[in-house]
C-alpha cells in the first residue's frame, strides 16, 4: 500500500504536494494535514486547486483556461508553467510556512499537457524540470492511487451526480487526446483516466523526490492520515475533518 523514499529532514520540509485522480481524497487530506500542523504549532499555507488567482497553475493566464489547446502549444504551456513554479518557489522560500498544495504536479498544467497529446518524453521532461525547481523546498509528494480506476471513477461519479459527470465529459472529452480516440460518455471518462493513471504511475516512479504512495480504495482515512502524519512528524492520530471529495 505504501512506498516512501528519502524521508529525512521532515522538520525542514517546506512543500507537501497531494496528488491523485479526481475524488481520490486530496482536498480532504489537505485540510486534515493543515489542521494537524496548526495544532503542532507549525505554520502552514494550504493552496486548494480552486483558489483564484492560483499561484502555480499557468492556464489561468489563458483566455480558454479550461481548453488551453485553443490558445497554446504544449511547449508554450510548459514555458508558462515552469515560470509560475519558479516564482512560487521564490515566494515560498521567503516564508517559514509549509506550502500544502492540492495537485498541480500531476493535476493542473500536466493534465492539460496530457489532454493536448504531448509526447510522454515531453511530459516527463516537464515533470523533472518541476522537480528540480521545487527541490529547495525539500518537498514531499503524496500520491493516492486505486488499483481499479474504473470502479474509482464510477464511485465518484455516482457520489457527485449527473451534472458533475456531464461537466467532466463536456470538458475533458473535447480535448485532442479524447477526440482522436473517440472517447464518449462515462465509459470514455473511465478510459481517459485509466490512460492518465498509467502516465502518472510512470512519472511517480521516475521522480527523484521524497514520496509516499497510498492505494486508498478501502477509504480507510484514519489509517492513511495517520501514516501521512507520521511521515511529516506531526503525530499519528487522524484529525476529524469532514470530506467533500
Foldseek 3Di string as FASTA:
>chain_A
DKDWPDLPPLVLAQEEEEAEPPPLCLVQLLVQVCVLCVVVVAAADEQEPPDPPHQQFQLVPPPPSLACLVPDDLVVNLVSRLVSLLVVLVVSVVDRHRYYYYDPLCPHSLVNCVLQVPDLVSSLVSSQSSLVSNVVNQYEYEYEYAPQLLVSLVVVDVVVDDVVQVVCQVRSCVGPVNVVVVQHGSRSVSVSVVVSVVSVVVSVVPHPHTYMYDHCPVVPVQQVSLVVCVSSVSHRGTDDTDDPD
